[in-house]
């Protein structure tokens, strides 16, 4: 999991609880949007306002555009050798 400041939390044994390398996804989402708690992050994720989102990736050499995870079909999935997050204009 990667934030918009370049921090990375690596998880090699994901157990399905939203925690990556000791960092909670919703807590990080809250922090990236000027809030503090996991509950703030959940409210942001399920609200109707645009927000910055952590990226769930397997690759460290990609460029990112920090939009909500539901907007990118590749986020969180196994990538082929050439695809990574790119601006919409480049696809």
C-alpha atoms as a PDB file:
ATOM      1  CA  UNK A   1       0.000   0.000   0.000  1.00  0.00           C
ATOM      2  CA  UNK A   2       1.361   3.410  -0.973  1.00  0.00           C
ATOM      3  CA  UNK A   3       0.339   6.931  -0.001  1.00  0.00           C
ATOM      4  CA  UNK A   4       0.687  10.192  -1.900  1.00  0.00           C
ATOM      5  CA  UNK A   5       3.836  11.131   0.050  1.00  0.00           C
ATOM      6  CA  UNK A   6       5.834   8.103  -1.082  1.00  0.00           C
ATOM      7  CA  UNK A   7       5.402   5.981   2.052  1.00  0.00           C
ATOM      8  CA  UNK A   8       4.987   2.258   1.460  1.00  0.00           C
ATOM      9  CA  UNK A   9       3.514  -0.441   3.677  1.00  0.00           C
ATOM     10  CA  UNK A  10       4.373  -3.903   2.426  1.00  0.00           C
ATOM     11  CA  UNK A  11       2.224  -6.899   3.267  1.00  0.00           C
ATOM     12  CA  UNK A  12       3.367 -10.377   2.310  1.00  0.00           C
ATOM     13  CA  UNK A  13       0.644 -12.268   4.160  1.00  0.00           C
ATOM     14  CA  UNK A  14      -2.597 -10.306   3.791  1.00  0.00           C
ATOM     15  CA  UNK A  15      -5.355 -11.684   6.006  1.00  0.00           C
ATOM     16  CA  UNK A  16      -8.236  -9.631   4.640  1.00  0.00           C
ATOM     17  CA  UNK A  17      -8.713  -7.072   7.417  1.00  0.00           C
ATOM     18  CA  UNK A  18      -7.563  -3.913   5.615  1.00  0.00           C
ATOM     19  CA  UNK A  19      -4.185  -3.811   7.321  1.00  0.00           C
ATOM     20  CA  UNK A  20      -1.020  -3.672   5.243  1.00  0.00           C
ATOM     21  CA  UNK A  21       2.376  -3.794   6.899  1.00  0.00           C
ATOM     22  CA  UNK A  22       0.817  -2.709  10.193  1.00  0.00           C
ATOM     23  CA  UNK A  23      -1.093   0.245   8.696  1.00  0.00           C
ATOM     24  CA  UNK A  24      -4.883   0.306   8.409  1.00  0.00           C
ATOM     25  CA  UNK A  25      -6.164   1.264   4.943  1.00  0.00           C
ATOM     26  CA  UNK A  26      -9.008   3.459   6.233  1.00  0.00           C
ATOM     27  CA  UNK A  27      -6.784   5.222   8.746  1.00  0.00           C
ATOM     28  CA  UNK A  28      -4.357   6.096   5.948  1.00  0.00           C
ATOM     29  CA  UNK A  29      -7.229   7.212   3.721  1.00  0.00           C
ATOM     30  CA  UNK A  30      -8.348   9.557   6.518  1.00  0.00           C
ATOM     31  CA  UNK A  31      -4.824  10.951   6.941  1.00  0.00           C
ATOM     32  CA  UNK A  32      -4.479  11.559   3.194  1.00  0.00           C
ATOM     33  CA  UNK A  33      -7.677  13.609   3.330  1.00  0.00           C
ATOM     34  CA  UNK A  34      -6.892  15.708   6.410  1.00  0.00           C
ATOM     35  CA  UNK A  35      -8.733  13.542   8.952  1.00  0.00           C
ATOM     36  CA  UNK A  36      -7.506  11.276  11.750  1.00  0.00           C
ATOM     37  CA  UNK A  37      -9.401   8.091  12.522  1.00  0.00           C
ATOM     38  CA  UNK A  38     -10.299   4.855  10.785  1.00  0.00           C
ATOM     39  CA  UNK A  39     -13.956   5.837  11.139  1.00  0.00           C
ATOM     40  CA  UNK A  40     -13.234   9.125   9.343  1.00  0.00           C
ATOM     41  CA  UNK A  41     -11.680   7.089   6.529  1.00  0.00           C
ATOM     42  CA  UNK A  42     -14.708   4.828   6.267  1.00  0.00           C
ATOM     43  CA  UNK A  43     -16.989   7.881   6.105  1.00  0.00           C
ATOM     44  CA  UNK A  44     -14.831   9.350   3.340  1.00  0.00           C
ATOM     45  CA  UNK A  45     -14.721   6.102   1.349  1.00  0.00           C
ATOM     46  CA  UNK A  46     -18.472   5.629   1.393  1.00  0.00           C
ATOM     47  CA  UNK A  47     -19.396   9.294   0.999  1.00  0.00           C
ATOM     48  CA  UNK A  48     -20.207  11.139  -2.189  1.00  0.00           C
ATOM     49  CA  UNK A  49     -17.272  13.558  -2.282  1.00  0.00           C
ATOM     50  CA  UNK A  50     -14.062  13.060  -4.299  1.00  0.00           C
ATOM     51  CA  UNK A  51     -11.120  11.894  -2.205  1.00  0.00           C
ATOM     52  CA  UNK A  52      -7.499  10.831  -2.379  1.00  0.00           C
ATOM     53  CA  UNK A  53      -6.989   7.137  -1.795  1.00  0.00           C
ATOM     54  CA  UNK A  54      -4.035   4.926  -0.886  1.00  0.00           C
ATOM     55  CA  UNK A  55      -3.011   2.688  -3.751  1.00  0.00           C
ATOM     56  CA  UNK A  56      -2.880  -1.068  -3.403  1.00  0.00           C
ATOM     57  CA  UNK A  57      -0.179  -2.165  -5.789  1.00  0.00           C
ATOM     58  CA  UNK A  58       2.378  -4.823  -6.512  1.00  0.00           C
ATOM     59  CA  UNK A  59       4.690  -2.477  -8.388  1.00  0.00           C
ATOM     60  CA  UNK A  60       6.874   0.315  -7.060  1.00  0.00           C
ATOM     61  CA  UNK A  61       7.807   1.825 -10.429  1.00  0.00           C
ATOM     62  CA  UNK A  62       4.389   3.174 -11.394  1.00  0.00           C
ATOM     63  CA  UNK A  63       3.008   6.680 -11.425  1.00  0.00           C
ATOM     64  CA  UNK A  64      -0.182   7.263  -9.467  1.00  0.00           C
ATOM     65  CA  UNK A  65      -3.125   9.601  -9.565  1.00  0.00           C
ATOM     66  CA  UNK A  66      -4.567   8.984  -6.065  1.00  0.00           C
ATOM     67  CA  UNK A  67      -8.212   8.605  -6.968  1.00  0.00           C
ATOM     68  CA  UNK A  68     -10.603   6.279  -5.185  1.00  0.00           C
ATOM     69  CA  UNK A  69      -9.841   2.571  -5.704  1.00  0.00           C
ATOM     70  CA  UNK A  70     -13.103   1.772  -7.474  1.00  0.00           C
ATOM     71  CA  UNK A  71     -12.071   3.975 -10.411  1.00  0.00           C
ATOM     72  CA  UNK A  72      -9.117   1.883 -11.594  1.00  0.00           C
ATOM     73  CA  UNK A  73      -9.684  -1.627 -12.834  1.00  0.00           C
ATOM     74  CA  UNK A  74      -6.058  -2.591 -12.141  1.00  0.00           C
ATOM     75  CA  UNK A  75      -5.658  -1.451  -8.542  1.00  0.00           C
ATOM     76  CA  UNK A  76      -5.106  -4.346  -6.181  1.00  0.00           C
ATOM     77  CA  UNK A  77      -4.794  -6.926  -8.960  1.00  0.00           C
ATOM     78  CA  UNK A  78      -1.895  -8.767 -10.496  1.00  0.00           C
ATOM     79  CA  UNK A  79      -0.514  -6.671 -13.316  1.00  0.00           C
ATOM     80  CA  UNK A  80       0.886  -7.746 -16.635  1.00  0.00           C
ATOM     81  CA  UNK A  81       4.473  -6.638 -17.290  1.00  0.00           C
ATOM     82  CA  UNK A  82       3.664  -3.289 -18.873  1.00  0.00           C
ATOM     83  CA  UNK A  83       0.621  -1.859 -17.116  1.00  0.00           C
ATOM     84  CA  UNK A  84       0.682   0.452 -14.145  1.00  0.00           C
ATOM     85  CA  UNK A  85      -1.234   3.518 -13.022  1.00  0.00           C
ATOM     86  CA  UNK A  86      -1.030   6.210 -15.649  1.00  0.00           C
ATOM     87  CA  UNK A  87      -2.912   9.387 -16.393  1.00  0.00           C
ATOM     88  CA  UNK A  88      -6.096   8.802 -18.375  1.00  0.00           C
ATOM     89  CA  UNK A  89      -4.600  10.715 -21.320  1.00  0.00           C
ATOM     90  CA  UNK A  90      -1.793   8.197 -21.667  1.00  0.00           C
ATOM     91  CA  UNK A  91      -3.952   5.076 -21.881  1.00  0.00           C
END
